[in-house]
Protein backbone atom coordinates (compact mmCIF):
# COMPACT_ATOMS: atom_id res chain seq x y z
CA MET A 1 3.90 -18.34 4.68
CA LEU A 2 7.16 -16.43 4.56
CA SER A 3 10.51 -18.15 4.39
CA THR A 4 12.77 -17.90 7.43
CA HIS A 5 14.94 -15.30 5.68
CA ALA A 6 11.94 -13.14 4.75
CA MET A 7 10.51 -13.42 8.29
CA THR A 8 13.85 -12.27 9.72
CA LEU A 9 13.96 -9.36 7.28
CA ARG A 10 10.42 -8.33 8.26
CA SER A 11 11.28 -8.52 11.97
CA ASP A 12 14.43 -6.44 11.46
CA ILE A 13 12.50 -3.76 9.58
CA ILE A 14 9.82 -3.56 12.28
CA LYS A 15 12.45 -3.32 15.02
CA GLU A 16 14.38 -0.56 13.24
CA PHE A 17 11.61 1.50 11.66
CA SER A 18 8.42 1.17 13.72
CA PRO A 19 9.24 4.30 15.78
CA LYS A 20 9.33 6.31 12.53
CA TRP A 21 5.90 4.99 11.52
CA GLU A 22 4.42 6.73 14.56
CA LEU A 23 4.76 9.98 12.60
CA ASN A 24 2.20 8.63 10.12
CA ASP A 25 -1.55 8.79 10.54
CA PRO A 26 -3.09 5.61 12.01
CA ALA A 27 -4.11 4.29 8.57
CA HIS A 28 -0.49 4.16 7.35
CA ARG A 29 1.33 2.21 10.02
CA GLN A 30 2.26 -1.44 10.58
CA ALA A 31 -1.26 -2.85 10.22
CA HIS A 32 -1.39 -1.44 6.68
CA PHE A 33 2.12 -2.67 5.85
CA ASP A 34 1.23 -6.16 7.09
CA ALA A 35 -1.90 -6.11 4.93
CA VAL A 36 0.05 -4.96 1.85
CA LEU A 37 2.51 -7.80 2.39
CA GLU A 38 -0.33 -10.31 2.73
CA CYS A 39 -2.01 -9.10 -0.46
CA GLY A 40 1.26 -9.00 -2.40
CA LEU A 41 2.11 -12.55 -1.40
CA TYR A 42 -1.41 -13.75 -2.25
CA ILE A 43 -1.44 -12.25 -5.77
CA ASN A 44 2.10 -13.48 -6.37
CA SER A 45 1.03 -16.99 -5.34
CA GLN A 46 -1.75 -16.88 -7.95
CA HIS A 47 1.04 -16.51 -10.51
CA ASP A 48 3.17 -19.37 -9.14
CA ASN A 49 5.34 -16.83 -7.27
CA GLN A 50 6.88 -15.74 -10.59
CA ILE A 51 6.12 -11.99 -10.41
CA ALA A 52 8.57 -11.14 -7.64
CA ASN A 53 10.65 -12.64 -4.86
CA GLU A 54 9.71 -12.49 -1.19
CA ARG A 55 12.51 -10.11 -0.24
CA ASP A 56 11.38 -7.45 -2.67
CA ILE A 57 7.71 -7.79 -1.67
CA VAL A 58 8.65 -7.41 2.01
CA LEU A 59 10.82 -4.35 1.36
CA VAL A 60 8.21 -2.52 -0.70
CA ALA A 61 5.42 -3.42 1.73
CA TYR A 62 7.27 -1.86 4.67
CA PHE A 63 8.98 1.08 2.94
CA HIS A 64 6.40 2.40 0.45
CA ASP A 65 4.69 4.54 3.12
CA LEU A 66 7.72 5.27 5.29
CA PHE A 67 7.12 9.00 4.79
CA ALA A 68 3.30 8.93 4.69
CA TRP A 69 3.21 11.89 7.08
CA SER A 70 3.91 13.92 3.91
CA ARG A 71 0.93 12.81 1.84
CA VAL A 72 1.68 14.85 -1.28
CA ASN A 73 5.12 13.41 -2.05
CA HIS A 74 5.60 10.46 0.30
CA HIS A 75 5.99 8.05 -2.64
CA GLN A 76 8.85 10.14 -4.04
CA LEU A 77 10.50 10.37 -0.62
CA SER A 78 10.33 6.58 -0.24
CA GLN A 79 11.74 6.03 -3.71
CA GLY A 80 14.64 8.39 -3.00
CA TYR A 81 15.30 6.82 0.38
CA VAL A 82 15.52 3.28 -1.00
CA ILE A 83 17.95 4.37 -3.71
CA THR A 84 20.26 6.39 -1.43
CA THR A 85 20.12 4.83 2.04
CA ASP A 86 23.12 3.09 3.53
CA HIS A 87 20.99 1.35 6.18
CA PRO A 88 22.24 -2.22 6.81
CA ILE A 89 18.86 -3.68 5.84
CA PHE A 90 19.70 -2.81 2.22
CA GLU A 91 23.28 -4.04 2.43
CA GLY A 92 24.22 -6.46 -0.32
CA ILE A 93 21.24 -5.67 -2.54
CA ALA A 94 22.40 -5.15 -6.13
CA ASP A 95 21.80 -1.72 -7.65
CA VAL A 96 19.40 -3.12 -10.25
CA ASP A 97 17.33 -4.77 -7.51
CA ARG A 98 17.40 -1.65 -5.36
CA ASP A 99 16.17 0.42 -8.32
CA ARG A 100 13.31 -2.02 -8.88
CA ILE A 101 12.29 -1.82 -5.20
CA ALA A 102 12.60 1.98 -5.23
CA TYR A 103 10.44 2.38 -8.33
CA ALA A 104 7.80 0.10 -6.83
CA CYS A 105 7.67 2.44 -3.82
CA GLY A 106 7.43 5.43 -6.15
CA GLU A 107 4.64 3.90 -8.23
CA HIS A 108 2.48 2.43 -5.46
CA ARG A 109 -0.24 5.08 -5.21
CA ALA A 110 -3.79 4.47 -6.44
CA SER A 111 -3.58 7.73 -8.40
CA PHE A 112 -0.46 6.65 -10.34
CA LYS A 113 -1.13 7.28 -14.03
CA GLY A 114 2.05 6.19 -15.80
CA ASN A 115 3.22 2.85 -17.07
CA PHE A 116 4.65 0.59 -14.41
CA SER A 117 8.43 0.26 -14.57
CA THR A 118 8.45 -3.40 -13.61
CA ALA A 119 6.19 -6.32 -12.71
CA LEU A 120 7.07 -5.63 -9.05
CA SER A 121 5.65 -2.11 -9.37
CA GLN A 122 2.40 -3.45 -10.79
CA LEU A 123 2.19 -6.12 -8.08
CA MET A 124 2.78 -3.72 -5.20
CA ASN A 125 0.51 -1.03 -6.64
CA ALA A 126 -2.17 -3.72 -6.56
CA ALA A 127 -1.15 -4.94 -3.11
CA ASP A 128 -1.47 -1.42 -1.68
CA ARG A 129 -5.24 -1.84 -1.97
CA GLU A 130 -4.92 -4.81 0.42
CA LEU A 131 -7.11 -7.90 0.19
CA PRO A 132 -10.71 -6.89 -0.48
CA LYS A 133 -12.47 -5.81 2.70
CA PRO A 134 -16.06 -5.03 3.54
CA LEU A 135 -16.97 -1.42 2.79
CA SER A 136 -17.54 -0.86 6.51
CA GLU A 137 -13.87 -1.62 7.28
CA MET A 138 -12.69 0.66 4.48
CA MET A 139 -14.83 3.46 5.87
CA GLU A 140 -13.50 2.89 9.38
CA ARG A 141 -9.92 3.23 8.10
CA SER A 142 -10.82 6.37 6.17
CA PHE A 143 -12.60 7.78 9.21
CA ALA A 144 -9.51 7.18 11.38
CA TYR A 145 -7.33 9.00 8.86
CA ASN A 146 -9.70 11.93 8.39
CA ARG A 147 -10.28 12.23 12.14
CA HIS A 148 -6.51 12.43 12.55
CA VAL A 149 -6.05 15.21 9.99
CA ASN A 150 -9.24 17.09 10.96
CA PRO A 151 -9.30 16.77 14.78
CA ASN A 152 -11.59 19.76 15.30
CA LEU A 153 -14.32 18.76 12.84
CA PRO A 154 -17.58 17.34 14.22
CA GLU A 155 -18.00 13.62 13.59
CA ARG A 156 -20.86 14.28 11.19
CA GLU A 157 -18.59 16.39 8.99
CA VAL A 158 -15.85 13.76 9.09
CA ALA A 159 -18.43 11.16 8.03
CA LYS A 160 -19.39 13.33 5.04
CA ILE A 161 -15.74 13.51 4.00
CA VAL A 162 -15.47 9.71 4.27
CA HIS A 163 -18.57 9.16 2.12
CA GLY A 164 -17.23 11.54 -0.50
CA HIS A 165 -13.83 9.87 -0.42
CA MET A 166 -15.31 6.41 -0.93
CA LYS A 167 -17.20 7.56 -4.03
CA GLU A 168 -14.38 9.69 -5.41
CA LYS A 169 -11.65 7.08 -4.95
CA TYR A 170 -13.28 3.65 -4.87
CA GLY A 171 -16.56 4.18 -6.73
CA ARG A 172 -17.24 2.74 -10.17
CA ASP A 173 -15.80 5.87 -11.81
CA GLY A 174 -13.32 6.64 -9.01
CA TYR A 175 -9.70 7.56 -9.50
CA ALA A 176 -8.34 4.42 -7.80
CA ARG A 177 -6.53 2.45 -10.45
CA TYR A 178 -6.81 -1.31 -10.18
CA PRO A 179 -3.97 -3.03 -12.01
CA GLU A 180 -5.03 -5.89 -14.25
CA ILE A 181 -3.62 -8.49 -11.87
CA TYR A 182 -5.78 -7.13 -9.05
CA LEU A 183 -8.91 -7.07 -11.21
CA LYS A 184 -8.33 -10.68 -12.22
CA ALA A 185 -7.72 -11.82 -8.65
CA PHE A 186 -10.69 -10.00 -7.09
CA GLN A 187 -13.21 -9.24 -9.85
CA LYS A 188 -16.31 -10.38 -7.92
CA GLN A 189 -15.36 -8.52 -4.76
CA ILE A 190 -14.68 -5.28 -6.65
CA SER A 191 -18.02 -5.46 -8.46
CA LYS A 192 -19.80 -5.94 -5.12
CA LEU A 193 -17.89 -2.99 -3.63
CA HIS A 194 -18.93 -0.74 -6.53
CA ASP A 195 -22.56 -1.66 -5.97
CA GLU A 196 -22.33 -0.87 -2.26
CA ILE A 197 -20.61 2.48 -2.85
CA ASP A 198 -23.21 3.41 -5.47
CA ALA A 199 -25.83 2.88 -2.75
CA LEU A 200 -24.16 5.24 -0.25
């Protein structure tokens, strides 16, 4: 449960920025941001809420994919935006805190290979995977995205892309990086997911 201040911040962000999210594909809009927030708060709670504060989790959850319409560099665009924006939502946030939030946006992708700048970056990189879901829901989300970017492909071809994506990204040897805190929180679910993807 969010504090009153964090709930107000979330509401203000949605009011101000939801029109911009419409530029994103359906898999990178408010439903995803809500899920990232939920996962971030859950993992943080498993560590007695000592990894990060609510404000920072909310800000990264709703700004990490602000520019997801540009898939190649959206993480860099979000990082730059957080550092440079003069939007009132960021008013009063100390530079050191803003840098931490910005780097968490920049380091959120599953393909990130470097060392995390801060504990917040590790937390939100983990939270971007959302709480573990059944494989069927993951495939539905991937199908929605791939249908959006390949509107002229037959459904059968889109389904082939989705199957390949599941194995390539989320399979046992996939490129998706699970931070240690995510593995500890959801070890059983991840093992089950690997088994199901192997059987695709």
